[in-house]
């Protein structure tokens, strides 16, 4: 397990049903923390809030 750098999720509902608002918020928050605390991105990113209702409006995804 030490060699695992990342775990991916395929939200095709094959094995589990997801609540998109919960899953997307969790993924967003985890990504922001990784960017700030491990990759040196600006702390201001931590102030941003994810609004899952706007996700994919333009592209339909």
PDB file of N, CA and C in Angstrom:
ATOM      1  N   UNK A   1       0.814  -1.191   0.000  1.00  0.00           N
ATOM      2  CA  UNK A   1       0.000   0.000   0.000  1.00  0.00           C
ATOM      3  C   UNK A   1       0.863   1.264   0.000  1.00  0.00           C
ATOM      4  N   UNK A   2       2.106   1.175   0.443  1.00  0.00           N
ATOM      5  CA  UNK A   2       2.958   2.363   0.464  1.00  0.00           C
ATOM      6  C   UNK A   2       3.166   2.949  -0.921  1.00  0.00           C
ATOM      7  N   UNK A   3       3.150   2.107  -1.931  1.00  0.00           N
ATOM      8  CA  UNK A   3       3.399   2.566  -3.288  1.00  0.00           C
ATOM      9  C   UNK A   3       2.214   3.235  -3.963  1.00  0.00           C
ATOM     10  N   UNK A   4       1.041   3.194  -3.343  1.00  0.00           N
ATOM     11  CA  UNK A   4      -0.153   3.784  -3.947  1.00  0.00           C
ATOM     12  C   UNK A   4      -0.124   5.287  -3.738  1.00  0.00           C
ATOM     13  N   UNK A   5      -0.195   6.023  -4.839  1.00  0.00           N
ATOM     14  CA  UNK A   5      -0.146   7.478  -4.787  1.00  0.00           C
ATOM     15  C   UNK A   5      -1.550   8.072  -4.851  1.00  0.00           C
ATOM     16  N   UNK A   6      -2.433   7.437  -5.608  1.00  0.00           N
ATOM     17  CA  UNK A   6      -3.776   7.982  -5.781  1.00  0.00           C
ATOM     18  C   UNK A   6      -4.776   6.847  -5.975  1.00  0.00           C
ATOM     19  N   UNK A   7      -6.012   7.118  -5.626  1.00  0.00           N
ATOM     20  CA  UNK A   7      -7.108   6.182  -5.831  1.00  0.00           C
ATOM     21  C   UNK A   7      -8.155   6.911  -6.656  1.00  0.00           C
ATOM     22  N   UNK A   8      -8.629   6.278  -7.715  1.00  0.00           N
ATOM     23  CA  UNK A   8      -9.635   6.905  -8.557  1.00  0.00           C
ATOM     24  C   UNK A   8     -11.009   6.304  -8.318  1.00  0.00           C
ATOM     25  N   UNK A   9     -12.027   7.063  -8.625  1.00  0.00           N
ATOM     26  CA  UNK A   9     -13.405   6.608  -8.487  1.00  0.00           C
ATOM     27  C   UNK A   9     -14.112   6.771  -9.825  1.00  0.00           C
ATOM     28  N   UNK A  10     -14.827   5.752 -10.237  1.00  0.00           N
ATOM     29  CA  UNK A  10     -15.620   5.797 -11.451  1.00  0.00           C
ATOM     30  C   UNK A  10     -17.077   5.815 -11.014  1.00  0.00           C
ATOM     31  N   UNK A  11     -17.718   6.931 -11.174  1.00  0.00           N
ATOM     32  CA  UNK A  11     -19.088   7.081 -10.681  1.00  0.00           C
ATOM     33  C   UNK A  11     -20.107   6.557 -11.691  1.00  0.00           C
ATOM     34  N   UNK A  12     -20.024   5.279 -12.014  1.00  0.00           N
ATOM     35  CA  UNK A  12     -20.992   4.703 -12.941  1.00  0.00           C
ATOM     36  C   UNK A  12     -22.085   3.917 -12.209  1.00  0.00           C
ATOM     37  N   UNK A  13     -22.078   3.959 -10.904  1.00  0.00           N
ATOM     38  CA  UNK A  13     -23.115   3.346 -10.070  1.00  0.00           C
ATOM     39  C   UNK A  13     -23.158   1.826 -10.182  1.00  0.00           C
ATOM     40  N   UNK A  14     -22.087   1.195 -10.655  1.00  0.00           N
ATOM     41  CA  UNK A  14     -22.065  -0.256 -10.788  1.00  0.00           C
ATOM     42  C   UNK A  14     -22.096  -0.946  -9.429  1.00  0.00           C
ATOM     43  N   UNK A  15     -21.264  -0.498  -8.514  1.00  0.00           N
ATOM     44  CA  UNK A  15     -21.161  -1.147  -7.207  1.00  0.00           C
ATOM     45  C   UNK A  15     -21.873  -0.392  -6.092  1.00  0.00           C
ATOM     46  N   UNK A  16     -22.106   0.876  -6.299  1.00  0.00           N
ATOM     47  CA  UNK A  16     -22.719   1.682  -5.242  1.00  0.00           C
ATOM     48  C   UNK A  16     -23.448   2.867  -5.852  1.00  0.00           C
ATOM     49  N   UNK A  17     -24.434   3.337  -5.132  1.00  0.00           N
ATOM     50  CA  UNK A  17     -25.101   4.572  -5.533  1.00  0.00           C
ATOM     51  C   UNK A  17     -24.444   5.718  -4.791  1.00  0.00           C
ATOM     52  N   UNK A  18     -24.167   6.785  -5.509  1.00  0.00           N
ATOM     53  CA  UNK A  18     -23.512   7.948  -4.924  1.00  0.00           C
ATOM     54  C   UNK A  18     -24.505   9.085  -4.787  1.00  0.00           C
ATOM     55  N   UNK A  19     -24.269   9.916  -3.799  1.00  0.00           N
ATOM     56  CA  UNK A  19     -24.983  11.176  -3.684  1.00  0.00           C
ATOM     57  C   UNK A  19     -24.044  12.219  -4.281  1.00  0.00           C
ATOM     58  N   UNK A  20     -24.333  12.698  -5.482  1.00  0.00           N
ATOM     59  CA  UNK A  20     -23.389  13.591  -6.163  1.00  0.00           C
ATOM     60  C   UNK A  20     -22.972  14.795  -5.330  1.00  0.00           C
ATOM     61  N   UNK A  21     -23.909  15.414  -4.632  1.00  0.00           N
ATOM     62  CA  UNK A  21     -23.559  16.601  -3.846  1.00  0.00           C
ATOM     63  C   UNK A  21     -22.531  16.276  -2.768  1.00  0.00           C
ATOM     64  N   UNK A  22     -22.631  15.116  -2.166  1.00  0.00           N
ATOM     65  CA  UNK A  22     -21.682  14.707  -1.126  1.00  0.00           C
ATOM     66  C   UNK A  22     -20.353  14.299  -1.737  1.00  0.00           C
ATOM     67  N   UNK A  23     -20.397  13.480  -2.762  1.00  0.00           N
ATOM     68  CA  UNK A  23     -19.177  12.970  -3.392  1.00  0.00           C
ATOM     69  C   UNK A  23     -18.356  14.095  -4.014  1.00  0.00           C
ATOM     70  N   UNK A  24     -18.998  14.970  -4.778  1.00  0.00           N
ATOM     71  CA  UNK A  24     -18.280  16.057  -5.447  1.00  0.00           C
ATOM     72  C   UNK A  24     -17.687  17.040  -4.444  1.00  0.00           C
ATOM     73  N   UNK A  25     -18.404  17.330  -3.372  1.00  0.00           N
ATOM     74  CA  UNK A  25     -17.883  18.225  -2.341  1.00  0.00           C
ATOM     75  C   UNK A  25     -16.671  17.612  -1.665  1.00  0.00           C
ATOM     76  N   UNK A  26     -16.740  16.332  -1.352  1.00  0.00           N
ATOM     77  CA  UNK A  26     -15.609  15.636  -0.735  1.00  0.00           C
ATOM     78  C   UNK A  26     -14.390  15.651  -1.659  1.00  0.00           C
ATOM     79  N   UNK A  27     -14.602  15.361  -2.928  1.00  0.00           N
ATOM     80  CA  UNK A  27     -13.501  15.358  -3.898  1.00  0.00           C
ATOM     81  C   UNK A  27     -12.900  16.750  -4.047  1.00  0.00           C
ATOM     82  N   UNK A  28     -13.741  17.757  -4.118  1.00  0.00           N
ATOM     83  CA  UNK A  28     -13.268  19.141  -4.258  1.00  0.00           C
ATOM     84  C   UNK A  28     -12.436  19.556  -3.049  1.00  0.00           C
ATOM     85  N   UNK A  29     -12.973  19.336  -1.859  1.00  0.00           N
ATOM     86  CA  UNK A  29     -12.264  19.737  -0.637  1.00  0.00           C
ATOM     87  C   UNK A  29     -10.932  19.008  -0.496  1.00  0.00           C
ATOM     88  N   UNK A  30     -10.908  17.738  -0.811  1.00  0.00           N
ATOM     89  CA  UNK A  30      -9.663  16.982  -0.739  1.00  0.00           C
ATOM     90  C   UNK A  30      -8.629  17.487  -1.729  1.00  0.00           C
ATOM     91  N   UNK A  31      -9.084  17.829  -2.923  1.00  0.00           N
ATOM     92  CA  UNK A  31      -8.173  18.350  -3.943  1.00  0.00           C
ATOM     93  C   UNK A  31      -7.594  19.692  -3.529  1.00  0.00           C
ATOM     94  N   UNK A  32      -8.439  20.583  -3.026  1.00  0.00           N
ATOM     95  CA  UNK A  32      -7.971  21.905  -2.593  1.00  0.00           C
ATOM     96  C   UNK A  32      -6.941  21.767  -1.479  1.00  0.00           C
ATOM     97  N   UNK A  33      -7.206  20.917  -0.501  1.00  0.00           N
ATOM     98  CA  UNK A  33      -6.252  20.724   0.599  1.00  0.00           C
ATOM     99  C   UNK A  33      -4.921  20.188   0.089  1.00  0.00           C
ATOM    100  N   UNK A  34      -4.964  19.260  -0.844  1.00  0.00           N
ATOM    101  CA  UNK A  34      -3.732  18.704  -1.426  1.00  0.00           C
ATOM    102  C   UNK A  34      -2.951  19.797  -2.148  1.00  0.00           C
ATOM    103  N   UNK A  35      -3.647  20.605  -2.930  1.00  0.00           N
ATOM    104  CA  UNK A  35      -2.983  21.683  -3.660  1.00  0.00           C
ATOM    105  C   UNK A  35      -2.308  22.676  -2.718  1.00  0.00           C
ATOM    106  N   UNK A  36      -3.002  23.048  -1.654  1.00  0.00           N
ATOM    107  CA  UNK A  36      -2.472  24.057  -0.726  1.00  0.00           C
ATOM    108  C   UNK A  36      -1.387  23.483   0.175  1.00  0.00           C
ATOM    109  N   UNK A  37      -1.679  22.379   0.844  1.00  0.00           N
ATOM    110  CA  UNK A  37      -0.772  21.866   1.877  1.00  0.00           C
ATOM    111  C   UNK A  37       0.406  21.053   1.345  1.00  0.00           C
ATOM    112  N   UNK A  38       0.258  20.493   0.154  1.00  0.00           N
ATOM    113  CA  UNK A  38       1.329  19.638  -0.359  1.00  0.00           C
ATOM    114  C   UNK A  38       2.004  20.164  -1.623  1.00  0.00           C
ATOM    115  N   UNK A  39       1.318  21.031  -2.349  1.00  0.00           N
ATOM    116  CA  UNK A  39       1.878  21.497  -3.614  1.00  0.00           C
ATOM    117  C   UNK A  39       2.127  23.002  -3.649  1.00  0.00           C
ATOM    118  N   UNK A  40       1.908  23.677  -2.529  1.00  0.00           N
ATOM    119  CA  UNK A  40       2.274  25.081  -2.416  1.00  0.00           C
ATOM    120  C   UNK A  40       1.351  26.096  -3.062  1.00  0.00           C
ATOM    121  N   UNK A  41       0.123  25.708  -3.344  1.00  0.00           N
ATOM    122  CA  UNK A  41      -0.816  26.673  -3.911  1.00  0.00           C
ATOM    123  C   UNK A  41      -1.236  27.684  -2.841  1.00  0.00           C
ATOM    124  N   UNK A  42      -1.760  28.853  -3.247  1.00  0.00           N
ATOM    125  CA  UNK A  42      -2.122  29.909  -2.292  1.00  0.00           C
ATOM    126  C   UNK A  42      -3.189  29.466  -1.282  1.00  0.00           C
ATOM    127  N   UNK A  43      -3.026  29.907  -0.041  1.00  0.00           N
ATOM    128  CA  UNK A  43      -3.971  29.600   1.042  1.00  0.00           C
ATOM    129  C   UNK A  43      -5.385  30.101   0.734  1.00  0.00           C
ATOM    130  N   UNK A  44      -5.499  31.121  -0.108  1.00  0.00           N
ATOM    131  CA  UNK A  44      -6.813  31.676  -0.437  1.00  0.00           C
ATOM    132  C   UNK A  44      -7.738  30.631  -1.054  1.00  0.00           C
ATOM    133  N   UNK A  45      -7.170  29.605  -1.648  1.00  0.00           N
ATOM    134  CA  UNK A  45      -8.010  28.547  -2.222  1.00  0.00           C
ATOM    135  C   UNK A  45      -8.882  27.886  -1.164  1.00  0.00           C
ATOM    136  N   UNK A  46      -8.406  27.868   0.070  1.00  0.00           N
ATOM    137  CA  UNK A  46      -9.172  27.240   1.154  1.00  0.00           C
ATOM    138  C   UNK A  46     -10.459  28.002   1.457  1.00  0.00           C
ATOM    139  N   UNK A  47     -10.538  29.248   1.024  1.00  0.00           N
ATOM    140  CA  UNK A  47     -11.736  30.064   1.260  1.00  0.00           C
ATOM    141  C   UNK A  47     -12.827  29.781   0.230  1.00  0.00           C
ATOM    142  N   UNK A  48     -12.457  29.188  -0.884  1.00  0.00           N
ATOM    143  CA  UNK A  48     -13.434  28.899  -1.928  1.00  0.00           C
ATOM    144  C   UNK A  48     -14.367  27.786  -1.476  1.00  0.00           C
ATOM    145  N   UNK A  49     -15.626  27.914  -1.808  1.00  0.00           N
ATOM    146  CA  UNK A  49     -16.625  26.896  -1.480  1.00  0.00           C
ATOM    147  C   UNK A  49     -17.156  26.284  -2.772  1.00  0.00           C
ATOM    148  N   UNK A  50     -17.272  24.987  -2.777  1.00  0.00           N
ATOM    149  CA  UNK A  50     -17.764  24.275  -3.949  1.00  0.00           C
ATOM    150  C   UNK A  50     -19.282  24.291  -3.967  1.00  0.00           C
ATOM    151  N   UNK A  51     -19.861  24.707  -5.083  1.00  0.00           N
ATOM    152  CA  UNK A  51     -21.311  24.693  -5.251  1.00  0.00           C
ATOM    153  C   UNK A  51     -21.640  23.617  -6.286  1.00  0.00           C
ATOM    154  N   UNK A  52     -22.006  22.449  -5.816  1.00  0.00           N
ATOM    155  CA  UNK A  52     -22.216  21.314  -6.705  1.00  0.00           C
ATOM    156  C   UNK A  52     -23.377  21.532  -7.665  1.00  0.00           C
ATOM    157  N   UNK A  53     -24.286  22.462  -7.364  1.00  0.00           N
ATOM    158  CA  UNK A  53     -25.424  22.694  -8.255  1.00  0.00           C
ATOM    159  C   UNK A  53     -24.999  23.376  -9.554  1.00  0.00           C
ATOM    160  N   UNK A  54     -23.815  23.982  -9.574  1.00  0.00           N
ATOM    161  CA  UNK A  54     -23.317  24.633 -10.786  1.00  0.00           C
ATOM    162  C   UNK A  54     -22.454  23.705 -11.623  1.00  0.00           C
ATOM    163  N   UNK A  55     -22.122  22.564 -11.089  1.00  0.00           N
ATOM    164  CA  UNK A  55     -21.217  21.621 -11.739  1.00  0.00           C
ATOM    165  C   UNK A  55     -21.773  21.152 -13.074  1.00  0.00           C
ATOM    166  N   UNK A  56     -21.037  21.365 -14.138  1.00  0.00           N
ATOM    167  CA  UNK A  56     -21.396  20.845 -15.445  1.00  0.00           C
ATOM    168  C   UNK A  56     -22.535  21.558 -16.152  1.00  0.00           C
ATOM    169  N   UNK A  57     -22.943  22.711 -15.686  1.00  0.00           N
ATOM    170  CA  UNK A  57     -24.057  23.412 -16.315  1.00  0.00           C
ATOM    171  C   UNK A  57     -23.741  23.773 -17.770  1.00  0.00           C
ATOM    172  N   UNK A  58     -22.518  24.238 -18.025  1.00  0.00           N
ATOM    173  CA  UNK A  58     -22.161  24.684 -19.367  1.00  0.00           C
ATOM    174  C   UNK A  58     -22.008  23.508 -20.328  1.00  0.00           C
ATOM    175  N   UNK A  59     -21.346  22.467 -19.885  1.00  0.00           N
ATOM    176  CA  UNK A  59     -21.036  21.355 -20.786  1.00  0.00           C
ATOM    177  C   UNK A  59     -22.013  20.195 -20.677  1.00  0.00           C
ATOM    178  N   UNK A  60     -22.822  20.191 -19.641  1.00  0.00           N
ATOM    179  CA  UNK A  60     -23.772  19.103 -19.453  1.00  0.00           C
ATOM    180  C   UNK A  60     -23.168  17.858 -18.845  1.00  0.00           C
ATOM    181  N   UNK A  61     -21.959  17.981 -18.332  1.00  0.00           N
ATOM    182  CA  UNK A  61     -21.321  16.805 -17.725  1.00  0.00           C
ATOM    183  C   UNK A  61     -21.360  16.874 -16.226  1.00  0.00           C
TER     184      UNK A  61
END
